[in-house]
Amino acid sequence: MTDTTPETTPVIALPDRLSIDPRSPHFNAAVFERDVGIRLNDKERLDVEEYCISEGWIKVPAGKTLDRKGHPLLLKLKGKVEAFYR
């Protein structure tokens, strides 16, 4: 019998850029087997859709606003970005 709890899954290094949208070229399903956390300017954010550590930005939804295809509009916030496993 195999144990599939998050503590026993192999830890994959977090990429420089990651998106939660499966349509994005920066989506990586293997990373999301564990819970990923993001800090922007030393404050943890829970609403991050995409991030880039080297360029120093995150994208978050702009409230409940949707585009014409039904996807949330995203705002880009800049600052010091840190990604970590919880």
C-alpha atoms as a PDB file:
ATOM      1  CA  MET A   1       0.000   0.000   0.000  1.00  0.00           C
ATOM      2  CA  THR A   2       1.331   3.475  -0.841  1.00  0.00           C
ATOM      3  CA  ASP A   3       0.861   6.524   1.297  1.00  0.00           C
ATOM      4  CA  THR A   4      -0.153   9.579  -0.744  1.00  0.00           C
ATOM      5  CA  THR A   5      -0.257  12.216   1.964  1.00  0.00           C
ATOM      6  CA  PRO A   6       1.302  15.584   1.066  1.00  0.00           C
ATOM      7  CA  GLU A   7       4.148  14.952   3.527  1.00  0.00           C
ATOM      8  CA  THR A   8       5.332  11.916   1.524  1.00  0.00           C
ATOM      9  CA  THR A   9       5.137  13.448  -1.968  1.00  0.00           C
ATOM     10  CA  PRO A  10       8.524  14.437  -3.355  1.00  0.00           C
ATOM     11  CA  VAL A  11       9.273  18.138  -3.022  1.00  0.00           C
ATOM     12  CA  ILE A  12       9.657  19.862  -6.382  1.00  0.00           C
ATOM     13  CA  ALA A  13      11.601  23.109  -6.439  1.00  0.00           C
ATOM     14  CA  LEU A  14       9.291  26.052  -7.012  1.00  0.00           C
ATOM     15  CA  PRO A  15       9.761  27.628 -10.459  1.00  0.00           C
ATOM     16  CA  ASP A  16      10.620  31.279 -11.036  1.00  0.00           C
ATOM     17  CA  ARG A  17       7.230  31.821 -12.682  1.00  0.00           C
ATOM     18  CA  LEU A  18       4.040  29.873 -11.967  1.00  0.00           C
ATOM     19  CA  SER A  19       0.350  30.194 -12.839  1.00  0.00           C
ATOM     20  CA  ILE A  20      -2.723  28.409 -11.472  1.00  0.00           C
ATOM     21  CA  ASP A  21      -4.505  28.674 -14.843  1.00  0.00           C
ATOM     22  CA  PRO A  22      -4.233  25.353 -16.757  1.00  0.00           C
ATOM     23  CA  ARG A  23      -4.327  27.267 -20.084  1.00  0.00           C
ATOM     24  CA  SER A  24      -1.120  29.123 -19.233  1.00  0.00           C
ATOM     25  CA  PRO A  25       2.294  27.946 -20.459  1.00  0.00           C
ATOM     26  CA  HIS A  26       3.548  28.558 -16.895  1.00  0.00           C
ATOM     27  CA  PHE A  27       1.143  26.029 -15.321  1.00  0.00           C
ATOM     28  CA  ASN A  28       2.754  23.030 -13.594  1.00  0.00           C
ATOM     29  CA  ALA A  29       0.347  20.520 -12.033  1.00  0.00           C
ATOM     30  CA  ALA A  30       3.115  18.661 -10.168  1.00  0.00           C
ATOM     31  CA  VAL A  31       3.869  21.755  -8.062  1.00  0.00           C
ATOM     32  CA  PHE A  32       0.244  22.000  -6.904  1.00  0.00           C
ATOM     33  CA  GLU A  33       0.286  18.555  -5.292  1.00  0.00           C
ATOM     34  CA  ARG A  34       1.463  20.467  -2.218  1.00  0.00           C
ATOM     35  CA  ASP A  35       0.071  23.745  -0.894  1.00  0.00           C
ATOM     36  CA  VAL A  36       2.031  26.741  -2.246  1.00  0.00           C
ATOM     37  CA  GLY A  37       2.211  30.062  -0.408  1.00  0.00           C
ATOM     38  CA  ILE A  38       3.180  33.487  -1.775  1.00  0.00           C
ATOM     39  CA  ARG A  39       4.464  36.539   0.104  1.00  0.00           C
ATOM     40  CA  LEU A  40       4.527  40.000  -1.447  1.00  0.00           C
ATOM     41  CA  ASN A  41       6.584  42.540   0.513  1.00  0.00           C
ATOM     42  CA  ASP A  42       6.638  40.208   3.559  1.00  0.00           C
ATOM     43  CA  LYS A  43       2.828  39.875   3.626  1.00  0.00           C
ATOM     44  CA  GLU A  44       1.261  36.532   2.739  1.00  0.00           C
ATOM     45  CA  ARG A  45      -1.297  36.695  -0.085  1.00  0.00           C
ATOM     46  CA  LEU A  46      -4.015  34.082  -0.555  1.00  0.00           C
ATOM     47  CA  ASP A  47      -5.495  35.355  -3.844  1.00  0.00           C
ATOM     48  CA  VAL A  48      -2.495  35.031  -6.206  1.00  0.00           C
ATOM     49  CA  GLU A  49      -3.242  33.733  -9.727  1.00  0.00           C
ATOM     50  CA  GLU A  50       0.313  34.015 -11.131  1.00  0.00           C
ATOM     51  CA  TYR A  51       3.727  35.137  -9.914  1.00  0.00           C
ATOM     52  CA  CYS A  52       7.251  35.828 -11.170  1.00  0.00           C
ATOM     53  CA  ILE A  53      10.031  35.993  -8.597  1.00  0.00           C
ATOM     54  CA  SER A  54      12.809  37.366 -10.836  1.00  0.00           C
ATOM     55  CA  GLU A  55      10.667  40.215 -12.209  1.00  0.00           C
ATOM     56  CA  GLY A  56       9.063  40.911  -8.797  1.00  0.00           C
ATOM     57  CA  TRP A  57       5.312  40.796  -9.530  1.00  0.00           C
ATOM     58  CA  ILE A  58       2.139  38.857  -8.787  1.00  0.00           C
ATOM     59  CA  LYS A  59      -1.251  38.888 -10.508  1.00  0.00           C
ATOM     60  CA  VAL A  60      -4.426  38.968  -8.423  1.00  0.00           C
ATOM     61  CA  PRO A  61      -8.104  39.162  -9.455  1.00  0.00           C
ATOM     62  CA  ALA A  62      -9.679  42.627  -9.626  1.00  0.00           C
ATOM     63  CA  GLY A  63     -12.682  41.915  -7.419  1.00  0.00           C
ATOM     64  CA  LYS A  64     -15.547  40.128  -9.161  1.00  0.00           C
ATOM     65  CA  THR A  65     -14.869  41.752 -12.539  1.00  0.00           C
ATOM     66  CA  LEU A  66     -14.777  39.339 -15.482  1.00  0.00           C
ATOM     67  CA  ASP A  67     -13.561  39.723 -19.045  1.00  0.00           C
ATOM     68  CA  ARG A  68     -15.767  38.924 -22.043  1.00  0.00           C
ATOM     69  CA  LYS A  69     -14.750  35.247 -21.908  1.00  0.00           C
ATOM     70  CA  GLY A  70     -15.760  34.910 -18.257  1.00  0.00           C
ATOM     71  CA  HIS A  71     -12.257  34.887 -16.771  1.00  0.00           C
ATOM     72  CA  PRO A  72     -11.329  37.259 -13.916  1.00  0.00           C
ATOM     73  CA  LEU A  73      -9.510  40.478 -14.766  1.00  0.00           C
ATOM     74  CA  LEU A  74      -6.077  40.482 -13.153  1.00  0.00           C
ATOM     75  CA  LEU A  75      -4.082  43.290 -11.564  1.00  0.00           C
ATOM     76  CA  LYS A  76      -0.290  43.179 -11.485  1.00  0.00           C
ATOM     77  CA  LEU A  77       1.239  44.134  -8.125  1.00  0.00           C
ATOM     78  CA  LYS A  78       4.981  44.717  -7.888  1.00  0.00           C
ATOM     79  CA  GLY A  79       7.339  44.173  -4.992  1.00  0.00           C
ATOM     80  CA  LYS A  80       9.511  41.541  -3.322  1.00  0.00           C
ATOM     81  CA  VAL A  81       8.010  38.108  -4.124  1.00  0.00           C
ATOM     82  CA  GLU A  82       8.702  34.929  -2.124  1.00  0.00           C
ATOM     83  CA  ALA A  83       7.231  31.503  -2.919  1.00  0.00           C
ATOM     84  CA  PHE A  84       7.221  28.648  -0.402  1.00  0.00           C
ATOM     85  CA  TYR A  85       5.560  25.359   0.443  1.00  0.00           C
ATOM     86  CA  ARG A  86       3.237  25.464   3.456  1.00  0.00           C
END
